[in-house]
Amino acid sequence: MVFAAALLFTQWWDFTVPALGRAHYQAVFLTNGQTYFGRYYDRLGAYAKIEDVYYLQQVASTDSNATPDTRIVRRGLELHEPSSRMLVPKSAILFVEDLTDASPVAQYMQKDSGR
């Protein structure tokens, strides 16, 4: 009985550390050079959580001399359809930055989420 209650509590609470005074969206820079955008939550333990995840993708142009276009992609629209939430090992995170309301990335994310 106690084990079942503890399991339900951990699934509900998710061991997320409260963050006060932060922006709605953050940029999470990883040690492998990848950057994810979304709502960052520090968690107790070895993993951090990012919800409503977006990332940048370069798209090759038909003109071989042109530079590739960069677009922002919502995670979950890939072929394998992952959830829009991801857990990232804290050891892989280089740093986290808040996005301002004036950020084009934050504006796109807010518009895309329908808020």
PDB file of N, CA and C in Angstrom:
ATOM      1  N   MET A   1       0.823  -1.190   0.000  1.00  0.00           N
ATOM      2  CA  MET A   1       0.000   0.000   0.000  1.00  0.00           C
ATOM      3  C   MET A   1       0.871   1.260   0.000  1.00  0.00           C
ATOM      4  N   VAL A   2       1.879   1.291   0.857  1.00  0.00           N
ATOM      5  CA  VAL A   2       2.768   2.443   0.935  1.00  0.00           C
ATOM      6  C   VAL A   2       3.556   2.577  -0.367  1.00  0.00           C
ATOM      7  N   PHE A   3       3.993   1.448  -0.918  1.00  0.00           N
ATOM      8  CA  PHE A   3       4.745   1.464  -2.181  1.00  0.00           C
ATOM      9  C   PHE A   3       3.890   2.040  -3.310  1.00  0.00           C
ATOM     10  N   ALA A   4       2.633   1.623  -3.392  1.00  0.00           N
ATOM     11  CA  ALA A   4       1.738   2.123  -4.443  1.00  0.00           C
ATOM     12  C   ALA A   4       1.514   3.628  -4.281  1.00  0.00           C
ATOM     13  N   ALA A   5       1.332   4.090  -3.058  1.00  0.00           N
ATOM     14  CA  ALA A   5       1.139   5.521  -2.815  1.00  0.00           C
ATOM     15  C   ALA A   5       2.394   6.306  -3.195  1.00  0.00           C
ATOM     16  N   ALA A   6       3.560   5.771  -2.856  1.00  0.00           N
ATOM     17  CA  ALA A   6       4.816   6.445  -3.206  1.00  0.00           C
ATOM     18  C   ALA A   6       4.991   6.511  -4.720  1.00  0.00           C
ATOM     19  N   LEU A   7       4.650   5.440  -5.408  1.00  0.00           N
ATOM     20  CA  LEU A   7       4.764   5.415  -6.867  1.00  0.00           C
ATOM     21  C   LEU A   7       3.832   6.450  -7.504  1.00  0.00           C
ATOM     22  N   LEU A   8       2.598   6.513  -7.060  1.00  0.00           N
ATOM     23  CA  LEU A   8       1.661   7.509  -7.583  1.00  0.00           C
ATOM     24  C   LEU A   8       2.122   8.933  -7.284  1.00  0.00           C
ATOM     25  N   PHE A   9       2.670   9.152  -6.092  1.00  0.00           N
ATOM     26  CA  PHE A   9       3.146  10.478  -5.728  1.00  0.00           C
ATOM     27  C   PHE A   9       4.296  10.912  -6.624  1.00  0.00           C
ATOM     28  N   THR A  10       5.233  10.019  -6.890  1.00  0.00           N
ATOM     29  CA  THR A  10       6.372  10.387  -7.731  1.00  0.00           C
ATOM     30  C   THR A  10       5.944  10.635  -9.169  1.00  0.00           C
ATOM     31  N   GLN A  11       4.956   9.914  -9.669  1.00  0.00           N
ATOM     32  CA  GLN A  11       4.464  10.149 -11.018  1.00  0.00           C
ATOM     33  C   GLN A  11       3.719  11.470 -11.100  1.00  0.00           C
ATOM     34  N   TRP A  12       3.012  11.826 -10.058  1.00  0.00           N
ATOM     35  CA  TRP A  12       2.272  13.081 -10.052  1.00  0.00           C
ATOM     36  C   TRP A  12       3.209  14.265  -9.877  1.00  0.00           C
ATOM     37  N   TRP A  13       4.121  14.184  -8.931  1.00  0.00           N
ATOM     38  CA  TRP A  13       4.980  15.313  -8.598  1.00  0.00           C
ATOM     39  C   TRP A  13       6.140  15.438  -9.567  1.00  0.00           C
ATOM     40  N   ASP A  14       6.638  14.353 -10.092  1.00  0.00           N
ATOM     41  CA  ASP A  14       7.716  14.313 -11.081  1.00  0.00           C
ATOM     42  C   ASP A  14       9.022  14.888 -10.549  1.00  0.00           C
ATOM     43  N   PHE A  15       9.116  15.110  -9.255  1.00  0.00           N
ATOM     44  CA  PHE A  15      10.341  15.603  -8.628  1.00  0.00           C
ATOM     45  C   PHE A  15      10.904  16.835  -9.329  1.00  0.00           C
ATOM     46  N   THR A  16      10.046  17.742  -9.744  1.00  0.00           N
ATOM     47  CA  THR A  16      10.459  18.974 -10.410  1.00  0.00           C
ATOM     48  C   THR A  16      10.751  20.035  -9.361  1.00  0.00           C
ATOM     49  N   VAL A  17      11.881  20.704  -9.507  1.00  0.00           N
ATOM     50  CA  VAL A  17      12.275  21.764  -8.590  1.00  0.00           C
ATOM     51  C   VAL A  17      11.582  23.052  -9.026  1.00  0.00           C
ATOM     52  N   PRO A  18      10.836  23.719  -8.127  1.00  0.00           N
ATOM     53  CA  PRO A  18      10.143  24.957  -8.515  1.00  0.00           C
ATOM     54  C   PRO A  18      11.132  26.047  -8.922  1.00  0.00           C
ATOM     55  N   ALA A  19      10.753  26.828  -9.919  1.00  0.00           N
ATOM     56  CA  ALA A  19      11.588  27.937 -10.377  1.00  0.00           C
ATOM     57  C   ALA A  19      10.739  29.197 -10.407  1.00  0.00           C
ATOM     58  N   LEU A  20      11.130  30.174  -9.634  1.00  0.00           N
ATOM     59  CA  LEU A  20      10.387  31.431  -9.567  1.00  0.00           C
ATOM     60  C   LEU A  20      11.137  32.502 -10.339  1.00  0.00           C
ATOM     61  N   GLY A  21      10.407  33.364 -11.016  1.00  0.00           N
ATOM     62  CA  GLY A  21      11.004  34.488 -11.695  1.00  0.00           C
ATOM     63  C   GLY A  21      11.691  34.149 -13.003  1.00  0.00           C
ATOM     64  N   ARG A  22      11.366  33.027 -13.580  1.00  0.00           N
ATOM     65  CA  ARG A  22      11.996  32.683 -14.855  1.00  0.00           C
ATOM     66  C   ARG A  22      11.056  33.008 -15.999  1.00  0.00           C
ATOM     67  N   ALA A  23      11.611  33.054 -17.207  1.00  0.00           N
ATOM     68  CA  ALA A  23      10.808  33.318 -18.397  1.00  0.00           C
ATOM     69  C   ALA A  23       9.946  32.103 -18.725  1.00  0.00           C
ATOM     70  N   HIS A  24       8.989  32.297 -19.613  1.00  0.00           N
ATOM     71  CA  HIS A  24       8.107  31.197 -19.996  1.00  0.00           C
ATOM     72  C   HIS A  24       8.862  30.120 -20.782  1.00  0.00           C
ATOM     73  N   TYR A  25       9.812  30.530 -21.636  1.00  0.00           N
ATOM     74  CA  TYR A  25      10.574  29.590 -22.452  1.00  0.00           C
ATOM     75  C   TYR A  25      12.070  29.767 -22.214  1.00  0.00           C
ATOM     76  N   GLN A  26      12.802  28.661 -22.379  1.00  0.00           N
ATOM     77  CA  GLN A  26      14.241  28.678 -22.229  1.00  0.00           C
ATOM     78  C   GLN A  26      14.905  28.023 -23.437  1.00  0.00           C
ATOM     79  N   ALA A  27      16.171  28.386 -23.648  1.00  0.00           N
ATOM     80  CA  ALA A  27      17.029  27.720 -24.624  1.00  0.00           C
ATOM     81  C   ALA A  27      17.978  26.835 -23.823  1.00  0.00           C
ATOM     82  N   VAL A  28      18.068  25.563 -24.199  1.00  0.00           N
ATOM     83  CA  VAL A  28      18.925  24.602 -23.500  1.00  0.00           C
ATOM     84  C   VAL A  28      20.030  24.184 -24.465  1.00  0.00           C
ATOM     85  N   PHE A  29      21.248  24.552 -24.152  1.00  0.00           N
ATOM     86  CA  PHE A  29      22.400  24.268 -24.998  1.00  0.00           C
ATOM     87  C   PHE A  29      23.092  23.017 -24.476  1.00  0.00           C
ATOM     88  N   LEU A  30      23.270  22.033 -25.345  1.00  0.00           N
ATOM     89  CA  LEU A  30      23.883  20.768 -24.944  1.00  0.00           C
ATOM     90  C   LEU A  30      25.359  20.714 -25.338  1.00  0.00           C
ATOM     91  N   THR A  31      26.090  19.833 -24.709  1.00  0.00           N
ATOM     92  CA  THR A  31      27.522  19.698 -24.971  1.00  0.00           C
ATOM     93  C   THR A  31      27.815  19.176 -26.375  1.00  0.00           C
ATOM     94  N   ASN A  32      26.841  18.563 -27.049  1.00  0.00           N
ATOM     95  CA  ASN A  32      27.054  18.050 -28.410  1.00  0.00           C
ATOM     96  C   ASN A  32      26.765  19.100 -29.489  1.00  0.00           C
ATOM     97  N   GLY A  33      26.447  20.335 -29.083  1.00  0.00           N
ATOM     98  CA  GLY A  33      26.187  21.414 -30.028  1.00  0.00           C
ATOM     99  C   GLY A  33      24.715  21.604 -30.355  1.00  0.00           C
ATOM    100  N   GLN A  34      23.858  20.699 -29.951  1.00  0.00           N
ATOM    101  CA  GLN A  34      22.418  20.809 -30.211  1.00  0.00           C
ATOM    102  C   GLN A  34      21.791  21.802 -29.230  1.00  0.00           C
ATOM    103  N   THR A  35      20.801  22.537 -29.698  1.00  0.00           N
ATOM    104  CA  THR A  35      20.054  23.464 -28.847  1.00  0.00           C
ATOM    105  C   THR A  35      18.579  23.126 -28.920  1.00  0.00           C
ATOM    106  N   TYR A  36      17.951  23.028 -27.771  1.00  0.00           N
ATOM    107  CA  TYR A  36      16.510  22.798 -27.695  1.00  0.00           C
ATOM    108  C   TYR A  36      15.869  24.004 -27.033  1.00  0.00           C
ATOM    109  N   PHE A  37      14.635  24.310 -27.433  1.00  0.00           N
ATOM    110  CA  PHE A  37      13.873  25.416 -26.881  1.00  0.00           C
ATOM    111  C   PHE A  37      12.594  24.854 -26.292  1.00  0.00           C
ATOM    112  N   GLY A  38      12.178  25.381 -25.166  1.00  0.00           N
ATOM    113  CA  GLY A  38      10.946  24.917 -24.542  1.00  0.00           C
ATOM    114  C   GLY A  38      10.867  25.395 -23.109  1.00  0.00           C
ATOM    115  N   ARG A  39      10.062  24.698 -22.330  1.00  0.00           N
ATOM    116  CA  ARG A  39       9.924  25.015 -20.908  1.00  0.00           C
ATOM    117  C   ARG A  39      10.824  24.060 -20.131  1.00  0.00           C
ATOM    118  N   TYR A  40      11.881  24.593 -19.555  1.00  0.00           N
ATOM    119  CA  TYR A  40      12.899  23.813 -18.863  1.00  0.00           C
ATOM    120  C   TYR A  40      12.534  23.666 -17.390  1.00  0.00           C
ATOM    121  N   TYR A  41      12.654  22.448 -16.889  1.00  0.00           N
ATOM    122  CA  TYR A  41      12.413  22.169 -15.472  1.00  0.00           C
ATOM    123  C   TYR A  41      13.586  21.395 -14.918  1.00  0.00           C
ATOM    124  N   ASP A  42      14.191  21.935 -13.868  1.00  0.00           N
ATOM    125  CA  ASP A  42      15.232  21.204 -13.163  1.00  0.00           C
ATOM    126  C   ASP A  42      14.532  20.168 -12.290  1.00  0.00           C
ATOM    127  N   ARG A  43      15.056  18.968 -12.284  1.00  0.00           N
ATOM    128  CA  ARG A  43      14.447  17.882 -11.507  1.00  0.00           C
ATOM    129  C   ARG A  43      15.467  17.366 -10.510  1.00  0.00           C
ATOM    130  N   LEU A  44      14.995  16.753  -9.455  1.00  0.00           N
ATOM    131  CA  LEU A  44      15.887  16.062  -8.547  1.00  0.00           C
ATOM    132  C   LEU A  44      16.422  14.842  -9.289  1.00  0.00           C
ATOM    133  N   GLY A  45      17.692  14.574  -9.160  1.00  0.00           N
ATOM    134  CA  GLY A  45      18.266  13.426  -9.846  1.00  0.00           C
ATOM    135  C   GLY A  45      19.122  13.856 -11.024  1.00  0.00           C
ATOM    136  N   ALA A  46      19.420  12.900 -11.882  1.00  0.00           N
ATOM    137  CA  ALA A  46      20.399  13.093 -12.959  1.00  0.00           C
ATOM    138  C   ALA A  46      19.818  13.702 -14.230  1.00  0.00           C
ATOM    139  N   TYR A  47      18.499  13.855 -14.315  1.00  0.00           N
ATOM    140  CA  TYR A  47      17.882  14.325 -15.559  1.00  0.00           C
ATOM    141  C   TYR A  47      17.092  15.608 -15.348  1.00  0.00           C
ATOM    142  N   ALA A  48      17.120  16.485 -16.363  1.00  0.00           N
ATOM    143  CA  ALA A  48      16.267  17.673 -16.408  1.00  0.00           C
ATOM    144  C   ALA A  48      15.167  17.412 -17.426  1.00  0.00           C
ATOM    145  N   LYS A  49      14.059  18.131 -17.311  1.00  0.00           N
ATOM    146  CA  LYS A  49      12.925  17.929 -18.206  1.00  0.00           C
ATOM    147  C   LYS A  49      12.713  19.173 -19.055  1.00  0.00           C
ATOM    148  N   ILE A  50      12.434  18.969 -20.339  1.00  0.00           N
ATOM    149  CA  ILE A  50      12.055  20.057 -21.234  1.00  0.00           C
ATOM    150  C   ILE A  50      10.689  19.686 -21.817  1.00  0.00           C
ATOM    151  N   GLU A  51       9.728  20.594 -21.708  1.00  0.00           N
ATOM    152  CA  GLU A  51       8.388  20.372 -22.259  1.00  0.00           C
ATOM    153  C   GLU A  51       8.153  21.334 -23.417  1.00  0.00           C
ATOM    154  N   ASP A  52       7.238  20.967 -24.307  1.00  0.00           N
ATOM    155  CA  ASP A  52       6.923  21.759 -25.503  1.00  0.00           C
ATOM    156  C   ASP A  52       8.214  22.069 -26.267  1.00  0.00           C
ATOM    157  N   VAL A  53       8.913  21.015 -26.658  1.00  0.00           N
ATOM    158  CA  VAL A  53      10.267  21.123 -27.204  1.00  0.00           C
ATOM    159  C   VAL A  53      10.256  21.497 -28.684  1.00  0.00           C
ATOM    160  N   TYR A  54      11.137  22.435 -29.030  1.00  0.00           N
ATOM    161  CA  TYR A  54      11.406  22.828 -30.406  1.00  0.00           C
ATOM    162  C   TYR A  54      12.910  22.760 -30.623  1.00  0.00           C
ATOM    163  N   TYR A  55      13.320  22.649 -31.871  1.00  0.00           N
ATOM    164  CA  TYR A  55      14.742  22.699 -32.206  1.00  0.00           C
ATOM    165  C   TYR A  55      14.907  23.308 -33.586  1.00  0.00           C
ATOM    166  N   LEU A  56      16.133  23.713 -33.903  1.00  0.00           N
ATOM    167  CA  LEU A  56      16.432  24.312 -35.204  1.00  0.00           C
ATOM    168  C   LEU A  56      16.866  23.230 -36.177  1.00  0.00           C
ATOM    169  N   GLN A  57      16.422  23.356 -37.417  1.00  0.00           N
ATOM    170  CA  GLN A  57      16.778  22.398 -38.460  1.00  0.00           C
ATOM    171  C   GLN A  57      17.174  23.181 -39.704  1.00  0.00           C
ATOM    172  N   GLN A  58      18.299  22.794 -40.283  1.00  0.00           N
ATOM    173  CA  GLN A  58      18.728  23.435 -41.527  1.00  0.00           C
ATOM    174  C   GLN A  58      18.161  22.662 -42.704  1.00  0.00           C
ATOM    175  N   VAL A  59      17.611  23.412 -43.666  1.00  0.00           N
ATOM    176  CA  VAL A  59      17.001  22.830 -44.856  1.00  0.00           C
ATOM    177  C   VAL A  59      17.828  23.257 -46.057  1.00  0.00           C
ATOM    178  N   ALA A  60      18.313  22.278 -46.817  1.00  0.00           N
ATOM    179  CA  ALA A  60      19.140  22.578 -47.984  1.00  0.00           C
ATOM    180  C   ALA A  60      18.312  23.274 -49.050  1.00  0.00           C
ATOM    181  N   SER A  61      18.929  24.241 -49.687  1.00  0.00           N
ATOM    182  CA  SER A  61      18.279  24.977 -50.764  1.00  0.00           C
ATOM    183  C   SER A  61      18.490  24.231 -52.079  1.00  0.00           C
ATOM    184  N   THR A  62      17.621  24.462 -53.032  1.00  0.00           N
ATOM    185  CA  THR A  62      17.801  23.849 -54.358  1.00  0.00           C
ATOM    186  C   THR A  62      18.982  24.469 -55.086  1.00  0.00           C
ATOM    187  N   ASP A  63      19.336  25.684 -54.718  1.00  0.00           N
ATOM    188  CA  ASP A  63      20.502  26.356 -55.290  1.00  0.00           C
ATOM    189  C   ASP A  63      21.737  25.928 -54.496  1.00  0.00           C
ATOM    190  N   SER A  64      22.684  25.298 -55.133  1.00  0.00           N
ATOM    191  CA  SER A  64      23.862  24.777 -54.430  1.00  0.00           C
ATOM    192  C   SER A  64      24.756  25.883 -53.884  1.00  0.00           C
ATOM    193  N   ASN A  65      24.632  27.104 -54.389  1.00  0.00           N
ATOM    194  CA  ASN A  65      25.451  28.221 -53.916  1.00  0.00           C
ATOM    195  C   ASN A  65      24.813  28.958 -52.741  1.00  0.00           C
ATOM    196  N   ALA A  66      23.534  28.734 -52.510  1.00  0.00           N
ATOM    197  CA  ALA A  66      22.822  29.442 -51.442  1.00  0.00           C
ATOM    198  C   ALA A  66      23.097  28.774 -50.093  1.00  0.00           C
ATOM    199  N   THR A  67      23.036  29.572 -49.051  1.00  0.00           N
ATOM    200  CA  THR A  67      23.186  29.023 -47.705  1.00  0.00           C
ATOM    201  C   THR A  67      21.885  28.314 -47.319  1.00  0.00           C
ATOM    202  N   PRO A  68      21.978  27.261 -46.521  1.00  0.00           N
ATOM    203  CA  PRO A  68      20.754  26.550 -46.135  1.00  0.00           C
ATOM    204  C   PRO A  68      19.843  27.422 -45.273  1.00  0.00           C
ATOM    205  N   ASP A  69      18.554  27.237 -45.433  1.00  0.00           N
ATOM    206  CA  ASP A  69      17.578  27.938 -44.597  1.00  0.00           C
ATOM    207  C   ASP A  69      17.482  27.219 -43.259  1.00  0.00           C
ATOM    208  N   THR A  70      17.213  27.987 -42.210  1.00  0.00           N
ATOM    209  CA  THR A  70      17.025  27.414 -40.884  1.00  0.00           C
ATOM    210  C   THR A  70      15.572  27.598 -40.491  1.00  0.00           C
ATOM    211  N   ARG A  71      14.966  26.533 -40.004  1.00  0.00           N
ATOM    212  CA  ARG A  71      13.582  26.618 -39.545  1.00  0.00           C
ATOM    213  C   ARG A  71      13.487  26.015 -38.153  1.00  0.00           C
ATOM    214  N   ILE A  72      12.444  26.412 -37.436  1.00  0.00           N
ATOM    215  CA  ILE A  72      12.212  25.865 -36.108  1.00  0.00           C
ATOM    216  C   ILE A  72      11.164  24.762 -36.230  1.00  0.00           C
ATOM    217  N   VAL A  73      11.437  23.630 -35.589  1.00  0.00           N
ATOM    218  CA  VAL A  73      10.590  22.442 -35.712  1.00  0.00           C
ATOM    219  C   VAL A  73      10.103  22.038 -34.322  1.00  0.00           C
ATOM    220  N   ARG A  74       8.818  21.776 -34.226  1.00  0.00           N
ATOM    221  CA  ARG A  74       8.255  21.279 -32.966  1.00  0.00           C
ATOM    222  C   ARG A  74       8.556  19.797 -32.844  1.00  0.00           C
ATOM    223  N   ARG A  75       9.140  19.391 -31.733  1.00  0.00           N
ATOM    224  CA  ARG A  75       9.437  17.981 -31.511  1.00  0.00           C
ATOM    225  C   ARG A  75       8.126  17.220 -31.390  1.00  0.00           C
ATOM    226  N   GLY A  76       8.070  16.076 -32.043  1.00  0.00           N
ATOM    227  CA  GLY A  76       6.861  15.262 -32.048  1.00  0.00           C
ATOM    228  C   GLY A  76       6.321  15.088 -33.449  1.00  0.00           C
ATOM    229  N   LEU A  77       6.815  15.902 -34.387  1.00  0.00           N
ATOM    230  CA  LEU A  77       6.343  15.811 -35.768  1.00  0.00           C
ATOM    231  C   LEU A  77       7.262  14.928 -36.621  1.00  0.00           C
ATOM    232  N   GLU A  78       8.275  14.315 -36.008  1.00  0.00           N
ATOM    233  CA  GLU A  78       9.180  13.437 -36.743  1.00  0.00           C
ATOM    234  C   GLU A  78       8.494  12.117 -37.062  1.00  0.00           C
ATOM    235  N   LEU A  79       9.146  11.311 -37.871  1.00  0.00           N
ATOM    236  CA  LEU A  79       8.586  10.040 -38.326  1.00  0.00           C
ATOM    237  C   LEU A  79       8.212   9.125 -37.162  1.00  0.00           C
ATOM    238  N   HIS A  80       9.040   9.075 -36.130  1.00  0.00           N
ATOM    239  CA  HIS A  80       8.770   8.176 -35.001  1.00  0.00           C
ATOM    240  C   HIS A  80       7.841   8.789 -33.951  1.00  0.00           C
ATOM    241  N   GLU A  81       7.379  10.008 -34.165  1.00  0.00           N
ATOM    242  CA  GLU A  81       6.400  10.711 -33.337  1.00  0.00           C
ATOM    243  C   GLU A  81       6.679  10.635 -31.832  1.00  0.00           C
ATOM    244  N   PRO A  82       7.820  11.199 -31.395  1.00  0.00           N
ATOM    245  CA  PRO A  82       8.075  11.213 -29.942  1.00  0.00           C
ATOM    246  C   PRO A  82       7.149  12.201 -29.242  1.00  0.00           C
ATOM    247  N   SER A  83       7.053  12.077 -27.933  1.00  0.00           N
ATOM    248  CA  SER A  83       6.251  13.044 -27.189  1.00  0.00           C
ATOM    249  C   SER A  83       6.971  14.386 -27.183  1.00  0.00           C
ATOM    250  N   SER A  84       6.254  15.447 -26.879  1.00  0.00           N
ATOM    251  CA  SER A  84       6.860  16.780 -26.899  1.00  0.00           C
ATOM    252  C   SER A  84       7.629  17.065 -25.610  1.00  0.00           C
ATOM    253  N   ARG A  85       7.733  16.089 -24.756  1.00  0.00           N
ATOM    254  CA  ARG A  85       8.491  16.207 -23.514  1.00  0.00           C
ATOM    255  C   ARG A  85       9.744  15.352 -23.642  1.00  0.00           C
ATOM    256  N   MET A  86      10.857  15.832 -23.131  1.00  0.00           N
ATOM    257  CA  MET A  86      12.058  15.016 -23.158  1.00  0.00           C
ATOM    258  C   MET A  86      12.851  15.186 -21.874  1.00  0.00           C
ATOM    259  N   LEU A  87      13.544  14.123 -21.503  1.00  0.00           N
ATOM    260  CA  LEU A  87      14.436  14.144 -20.360  1.00  0.00           C
ATOM    261  C   LEU A  87      15.860  14.165 -20.892  1.00  0.00           C
ATOM    262  N   VAL A  88      16.672  15.059 -20.352  1.00  0.00           N
ATOM    263  CA  VAL A  88      18.041  15.241 -20.814  1.00  0.00           C
ATOM    264  C   VAL A  88      18.968  15.030 -19.616  1.00  0.00           C
ATOM    265  N   PRO A  89      20.030  14.237 -19.788  1.00  0.00           N
ATOM    266  CA  PRO A  89      20.976  14.107 -18.672  1.00  0.00           C
ATOM    267  C   PRO A  89      21.588  15.470 -18.329  1.00  0.00           C
ATOM    268  N   LYS A  90      21.608  15.805 -17.064  1.00  0.00           N
ATOM    269  CA  LYS A  90      22.175  17.090 -16.656  1.00  0.00           C
ATOM    270  C   LYS A  90      23.638  17.208 -17.061  1.00  0.00           C
ATOM    271  N   SER A  91      24.324  16.079 -17.155  1.00  0.00           N
ATOM    272  CA  SER A  91      25.733  16.105 -17.550  1.00  0.00           C
ATOM    273  C   SER A  91      25.902  16.527 -19.005  1.00  0.00           C
ATOM    274  N   ALA A  92      24.833  16.471 -19.811  1.00  0.00           N
ATOM    275  CA  ALA A  92      24.890  16.857 -21.221  1.00  0.00           C
ATOM    276  C   ALA A  92      24.504  18.316 -21.443  1.00  0.00           C
ATOM    277  N   ILE A  93      24.078  19.011 -20.389  1.00  0.00           N
ATOM    278  CA  ILE A  93      23.637  20.403 -20.520  1.00  0.00           C
ATOM    279  C   ILE A  93      24.817  21.333 -20.264  1.00  0.00           C
ATOM    280  N   LEU A  94      25.098  22.169 -21.245  1.00  0.00           N
ATOM    281  CA  LEU A  94      26.172  23.151 -21.125  1.00  0.00           C
ATOM    282  C   LEU A  94      25.678  24.357 -20.330  1.00  0.00           C
ATOM    283  N   PHE A  95      24.545  24.942 -20.759  1.00  0.00           N
ATOM    284  CA  PHE A  95      23.926  26.031 -20.017  1.00  0.00           C
ATOM    285  C   PHE A  95      22.491  26.219 -20.497  1.00  0.00           C
ATOM    286  N   VAL A  96      21.718  26.976 -19.717  1.00  0.00           N
ATOM    287  CA  VAL A  96      20.310  27.261 -20.001  1.00  0.00           C
ATOM    288  C   VAL A  96      20.125  28.771 -19.953  1.00  0.00           C
ATOM    289  N   GLU A  97      19.407  29.311 -20.952  1.00  0.00           N
ATOM    290  CA  GLU A  97      19.122  30.751 -20.984  1.00  0.00           C
ATOM    291  C   GLU A  97      17.621  30.978 -21.098  1.00  0.00           C
ATOM    292  N   ASP A  98      17.138  32.012 -20.416  1.00  0.00           N
ATOM    293  CA  ASP A  98      15.746  32.432 -20.577  1.00  0.00           C
ATOM    294  C   ASP A  98      15.600  33.156 -21.910  1.00  0.00           C
ATOM    295  N   LEU A  99      14.475  32.934 -22.593  1.00  0.00           N
ATOM    296  CA  LEU A  99      14.147  33.661 -23.813  1.00  0.00           C
ATOM    297  C   LEU A  99      13.247  34.833 -23.440  1.00  0.00           C
ATOM    298  N   THR A 100      13.540  36.004 -23.971  1.00  0.00           N
ATOM    299  CA  THR A 100      12.692  37.166 -23.708  1.00  0.00           C
ATOM    300  C   THR A 100      11.442  37.101 -24.579  1.00  0.00           C
ATOM    301  N   ASP A 101      10.455  37.904 -24.246  1.00  0.00           N
ATOM    302  CA  ASP A 101       9.236  37.959 -25.051  1.00  0.00           C
ATOM    303  C   ASP A 101       9.517  38.505 -26.451  1.00  0.00           C
ATOM    304  N   ALA A 102      10.614  39.245 -26.618  1.00  0.00           N
ATOM    305  CA  ALA A 102      10.979  39.808 -27.916  1.00  0.00           C
ATOM    306  C   ALA A 102      11.712  38.806 -28.807  1.00  0.00           C
ATOM    307  N   SER A 103      12.070  37.651 -28.267  1.00  0.00           N
ATOM    308  CA  SER A 103      12.793  36.641 -29.038  1.00  0.00           C
ATOM    309  C   SER A 103      11.910  36.090 -30.164  1.00  0.00           C
ATOM    310  N   PRO A 104      12.412  36.068 -31.408  1.00  0.00           N
ATOM    311  CA  PRO A 104      11.628  35.495 -32.508  1.00  0.00           C
ATOM    312  C   PRO A 104      11.278  34.022 -32.268  1.00  0.00           C
ATOM    313  N   VAL A 105      12.175  33.305 -31.607  1.00  0.00           N
ATOM    314  CA  VAL A 105      11.908  31.893 -31.307  1.00  0.00           C
ATOM    315  C   VAL A 105      10.757  31.782 -30.300  1.00  0.00           C
ATOM    316  N   ALA A 106      10.802  32.575 -29.241  1.00  0.00           N
ATOM    317  CA  ALA A 106       9.733  32.550 -28.237  1.00  0.00           C
ATOM    318  C   ALA A 106       8.407  32.996 -28.839  1.00  0.00           C
ATOM    319  N   GLN A 107       8.433  34.001 -29.704  1.00  0.00           N
ATOM    320  CA  GLN A 107       7.201  34.459 -30.352  1.00  0.00           C
ATOM    321  C   GLN A 107       6.609  33.364 -31.232  1.00  0.00           C
ATOM    322  N   TYR A 108       7.473  32.654 -31.977  1.00  0.00           N
ATOM    323  CA  TYR A 108       6.977  31.563 -32.816  1.00  0.00           C
ATOM    324  C   TYR A 108       6.374  30.454 -31.956  1.00  0.00           C
ATOM    325  N   MET A 109       7.063  30.096 -30.875  1.00  0.00           N
ATOM    326  CA  MET A 109       6.565  29.035 -29.990  1.00  0.00           C
ATOM    327  C   MET A 109       5.224  29.415 -29.369  1.00  0.00           C
ATOM    328  N   GLN A 110       5.097  30.661 -28.951  1.00  0.00           N
ATOM    329  CA  GLN A 110       3.853  31.118 -28.347  1.00  0.00           C
ATOM    330  C   GLN A 110       2.714  31.093 -29.385  1.00  0.00           C
ATOM    331  N   LYS A 111       3.012  31.550 -30.596  1.00  0.00           N
ATOM    332  CA  LYS A 111       1.992  31.541 -31.665  1.00  0.00           C
ATOM    333  C   LYS A 111       1.614  30.108 -32.037  1.00  0.00           C
ATOM    334  N   ASP A 112       2.609  29.230 -32.103  1.00  0.00           N
ATOM    335  CA  ASP A 112       2.370  27.837 -32.487  1.00  0.00           C
ATOM    336  C   ASP A 112       1.566  27.081 -31.433  1.00  0.00           C
ATOM    337  N   SER A 113       1.725  27.462 -30.163  1.00  0.00           N
ATOM    338  CA  SER A 113       1.002  26.774 -29.104  1.00  0.00           C
ATOM    339  C   SER A 113      -0.430  27.276 -28.955  1.00  0.00           C
ATOM    340  N   GLY A 114      -0.771  28.348 -29.686  1.00  0.00           N
ATOM    341  CA  GLY A 114      -2.140  28.853 -29.677  1.00  0.00           C
ATOM    342  C   GLY A 114      -2.476  29.697 -28.470  1.00  0.00           C
ATOM    343  N   ARG A 115      -1.492  30.262 -27.820  1.00  0.00           N
ATOM    344  CA  ARG A 115      -1.749  31.087 -26.628  1.00  0.00           C
ATOM    345  C   ARG A 115      -1.968  32.510 -26.998  1.00  0.00           C
TER     346      ARG A 115
END
